[in-house]
Amino acid sequence: MILTKLAVASMRWVGFESHSELYTRISVLIFVAVFFNTAILYPIANADFKDSIPILSGIFHGPYDDYSVQWYGDVGNTMVISMVINALCPVLEFWVECILYWFDKRMD
């Protein structure tokens, strides 16, 4: 949700000629940010590069040097949970906003 709010704020700050172009850029930026955060950053953070890329071994010295049952149990499981949360958050946010709108309208 933080990535979404940052993407919307930054794209509105840049400014575009049409709303469709603005929302297209917001969608692409959110996709790239979530993809990087879920599919690239987490596996790299858990990788051990001492044998393959020695320069990066000082930065990335995670417990896994290859895909294994343990990798899938730890990293893969976390990635799937993150993807499920990313899929459900927009739906939950929509329903929370609807409920809050209903309560606000009811109080008037």
C-alpha atoms as a PDB file:
ATOM      1  CA  MET A   1       0.000   0.000   0.000  1.00  0.00           C
ATOM      2  CA  ILE A   2       2.937   2.301   0.705  1.00  0.00           C
ATOM      3  CA  LEU A   3       4.357   1.618  -2.765  1.00  0.00           C
ATOM      4  CA  THR A   4       0.962   2.410  -4.266  1.00  0.00           C
ATOM      5  CA  LYS A   5       0.642   5.701  -2.385  1.00  0.00           C
ATOM      6  CA  LEU A   6       4.195   6.719  -3.363  1.00  0.00           C
ATOM      7  CA  ALA A   7       3.602   5.795  -7.006  1.00  0.00           C
ATOM      8  CA  VAL A   8       0.363   7.776  -7.195  1.00  0.00           C
ATOM      9  CA  ALA A   9       1.900  10.812  -5.481  1.00  0.00           C
ATOM     10  CA  SER A  10       5.004  10.807  -7.686  1.00  0.00           C
ATOM     11  CA  MET A  11       3.029  10.392 -10.917  1.00  0.00           C
ATOM     12  CA  ARG A  12       0.616  13.171  -9.961  1.00  0.00           C
ATOM     13  CA  TRP A  13       3.606  15.388  -9.185  1.00  0.00           C
ATOM     14  CA  VAL A  14       5.096  14.715 -12.630  1.00  0.00           C
ATOM     15  CA  GLY A  15       1.806  15.539 -14.335  1.00  0.00           C
ATOM     16  CA  PHE A  16       0.434  14.199 -17.610  1.00  0.00           C
ATOM     17  CA  GLU A  17      -1.840  15.569 -20.297  1.00  0.00           C
ATOM     18  CA  SER A  18      -4.652  13.059 -19.799  1.00  0.00           C
ATOM     19  CA  HIS A  19      -6.054  10.952 -16.999  1.00  0.00           C
ATOM     20  CA  SER A  20      -5.640   7.761 -18.993  1.00  0.00           C
ATOM     21  CA  GLU A  21      -1.925   8.436 -19.466  1.00  0.00           C
ATOM     22  CA  LEU A  22      -1.590   9.211 -15.738  1.00  0.00           C
ATOM     23  CA  TYR A  23      -3.311   5.990 -14.686  1.00  0.00           C
ATOM     24  CA  THR A  24      -1.346   3.966 -17.232  1.00  0.00           C
ATOM     25  CA  ARG A  25       1.940   5.285 -15.818  1.00  0.00           C
ATOM     26  CA  ILE A  26       0.758   4.684 -12.244  1.00  0.00           C
ATOM     27  CA  SER A  27      -0.167   1.081 -13.104  1.00  0.00           C
ATOM     28  CA  VAL A  28       3.176   0.409 -14.766  1.00  0.00           C
ATOM     29  CA  LEU A  29       5.120   1.973 -11.886  1.00  0.00           C
ATOM     30  CA  ILE A  30       3.199  -0.041  -9.283  1.00  0.00           C
ATOM     31  CA  PHE A  31       3.721  -3.249 -11.275  1.00  0.00           C
ATOM     32  CA  VAL A  32       7.472  -2.660 -11.574  1.00  0.00           C
ATOM     33  CA  ALA A  33       7.808  -1.756  -7.880  1.00  0.00           C
ATOM     34  CA  VAL A  34       5.844  -4.785  -6.654  1.00  0.00           C
ATOM     35  CA  PHE A  35       7.627  -7.098  -9.096  1.00  0.00           C
ATOM     36  CA  PHE A  36      11.032  -5.853  -7.962  1.00  0.00           C
ATOM     37  CA  ASN A  37      10.060  -6.093  -4.303  1.00  0.00           C
ATOM     38  CA  THR A  38       8.543  -9.590  -4.570  1.00  0.00           C
ATOM     39  CA  ALA A  39      10.324 -11.406  -7.372  1.00  0.00           C
ATOM     40  CA  ILE A  40      13.815  -9.924  -7.351  1.00  0.00           C
ATOM     41  CA  LEU A  41      14.728  -8.337  -4.033  1.00  0.00           C
ATOM     42  CA  TYR A  42      13.734 -11.127  -1.652  1.00  0.00           C
ATOM     43  CA  PRO A  43      15.450 -13.993  -3.539  1.00  0.00           C
ATOM     44  CA  ILE A  44      18.620 -11.904  -3.996  1.00  0.00           C
ATOM     45  CA  ALA A  45      18.651 -10.984  -0.302  1.00  0.00           C
ATOM     46  CA  ASN A  46      18.636 -14.692   0.595  1.00  0.00           C
ATOM     47  CA  ALA A  47      21.212 -15.726  -2.009  1.00  0.00           C
ATOM     48  CA  ASP A  48      24.806 -16.595  -1.280  1.00  0.00           C
ATOM     49  CA  PHE A  49      26.995 -15.198  -4.063  1.00  0.00           C
ATOM     50  CA  LYS A  50      30.402 -16.240  -2.705  1.00  0.00           C
ATOM     51  CA  ASP A  51      30.936 -18.893  -5.406  1.00  0.00           C
ATOM     52  CA  SER A  52      29.249 -17.244  -8.379  1.00  0.00           C
ATOM     53  CA  ILE A  53      29.893 -13.497  -8.018  1.00  0.00           C
ATOM     54  CA  PRO A  54      32.630 -12.911  -5.430  1.00  0.00           C
ATOM     55  CA  ILE A  55      32.269  -9.123  -5.583  1.00  0.00           C
ATOM     56  CA  LEU A  56      28.706  -9.376  -4.249  1.00  0.00           C
ATOM     57  CA  SER A  57      29.571 -11.898  -1.526  1.00  0.00           C
ATOM     58  CA  GLY A  58      30.184  -9.101   0.982  1.00  0.00           C
ATOM     59  CA  ILE A  59      26.707  -7.679   0.420  1.00  0.00           C
ATOM     60  CA  PHE A  60      24.644 -10.789  -0.241  1.00  0.00           C
ATOM     61  CA  HIS A  61      25.650 -13.650   2.004  1.00  0.00           C
ATOM     62  CA  GLY A  62      22.345 -15.401   2.528  1.00  0.00           C
ATOM     63  CA  PRO A  63      21.907 -19.024   3.526  1.00  0.00           C
ATOM     64  CA  TYR A  64      21.055 -20.418   0.074  1.00  0.00           C
ATOM     65  CA  ASP A  65      23.552 -20.911  -2.745  1.00  0.00           C
ATOM     66  CA  ASP A  66      21.092 -22.818  -4.942  1.00  0.00           C
ATOM     67  CA  TYR A  67      17.435 -23.801  -5.167  1.00  0.00           C
ATOM     68  CA  SER A  68      16.646 -26.549  -2.703  1.00  0.00           C
ATOM     69  CA  VAL A  69      13.781 -27.916  -0.660  1.00  0.00           C
ATOM     70  CA  GLN A  70      14.763 -25.548   2.143  1.00  0.00           C
ATOM     71  CA  TRP A  71      14.829 -22.576  -0.265  1.00  0.00           C
ATOM     72  CA  TYR A  72      11.313 -23.346  -1.461  1.00  0.00           C
ATOM     73  CA  GLY A  73      10.159 -23.819   2.133  1.00  0.00           C
ATOM     74  CA  ASP A  74      11.579 -20.480   3.249  1.00  0.00           C
ATOM     75  CA  VAL A  75      11.953 -18.058   0.346  1.00  0.00           C
ATOM     76  CA  GLY A  76       9.323 -19.536  -1.963  1.00  0.00           C
ATOM     77  CA  ASN A  77       6.751 -19.692   0.816  1.00  0.00           C
ATOM     78  CA  THR A  78       7.366 -16.047   1.731  1.00  0.00           C
ATOM     79  CA  MET A  79       7.098 -15.008  -1.923  1.00  0.00           C
ATOM     80  CA  VAL A  80       3.747 -16.792  -2.316  1.00  0.00           C
ATOM     81  CA  ILE A  81       2.395 -15.198   0.875  1.00  0.00           C
ATOM     82  CA  SER A  82       3.542 -11.792  -0.396  1.00  0.00           C
ATOM     83  CA  MET A  83       1.816 -12.361  -3.751  1.00  0.00           C
ATOM     84  CA  VAL A  84      -1.434 -13.391  -2.042  1.00  0.00           C
ATOM     85  CA  ILE A  85      -1.317 -10.287   0.170  1.00  0.00           C
ATOM     86  CA  ASN A  86      -0.637  -8.087  -2.880  1.00  0.00           C
ATOM     87  CA  ALA A  87      -3.608  -9.683  -4.649  1.00  0.00           C
ATOM     88  CA  LEU A  88      -6.011  -9.298  -1.717  1.00  0.00           C
ATOM     89  CA  CYS A  89      -5.072  -5.820  -0.471  1.00  0.00           C
ATOM     90  CA  PRO A  90      -6.850  -3.869  -3.249  1.00  0.00           C
ATOM     91  CA  VAL A  91     -10.044  -5.855  -2.688  1.00  0.00           C
ATOM     92  CA  LEU A  92      -9.884  -5.370   1.082  1.00  0.00           C
ATOM     93  CA  GLU A  93      -9.110  -1.677   0.664  1.00  0.00           C
ATOM     94  CA  PHE A  94     -12.151  -1.292  -1.606  1.00  0.00           C
ATOM     95  CA  TRP A  95     -14.467  -2.952   0.917  1.00  0.00           C
ATOM     96  CA  VAL A  96     -13.055  -0.971   3.844  1.00  0.00           C
ATOM     97  CA  GLU A  97     -13.634   2.262   1.913  1.00  0.00           C
ATOM     98  CA  CYS A  98     -17.194   1.174   1.090  1.00  0.00           C
ATOM     99  CA  ILE A  99     -17.926   0.363   4.737  1.00  0.00           C
ATOM    100  CA  LEU A 100     -16.425   3.649   5.926  1.00  0.00           C
ATOM    101  CA  TYR A 101     -18.439   5.544   3.318  1.00  0.00           C
ATOM    102  CA  TRP A 102     -21.589   3.733   4.463  1.00  0.00           C
ATOM    103  CA  PHE A 103     -20.905   4.593   8.131  1.00  0.00           C
ATOM    104  CA  ASP A 104     -20.153   8.187   7.235  1.00  0.00           C
ATOM    105  CA  LYS A 105     -23.347   8.484   5.207  1.00  0.00           C
ATOM    106  CA  ARG A 106     -25.350   6.826   7.964  1.00  0.00           C
ATOM    107  CA  MET A 107     -24.083   9.307  10.576  1.00  0.00           C
ATOM    108  CA  ASP A 108     -25.375  12.283   8.559  1.00  0.00           C
END
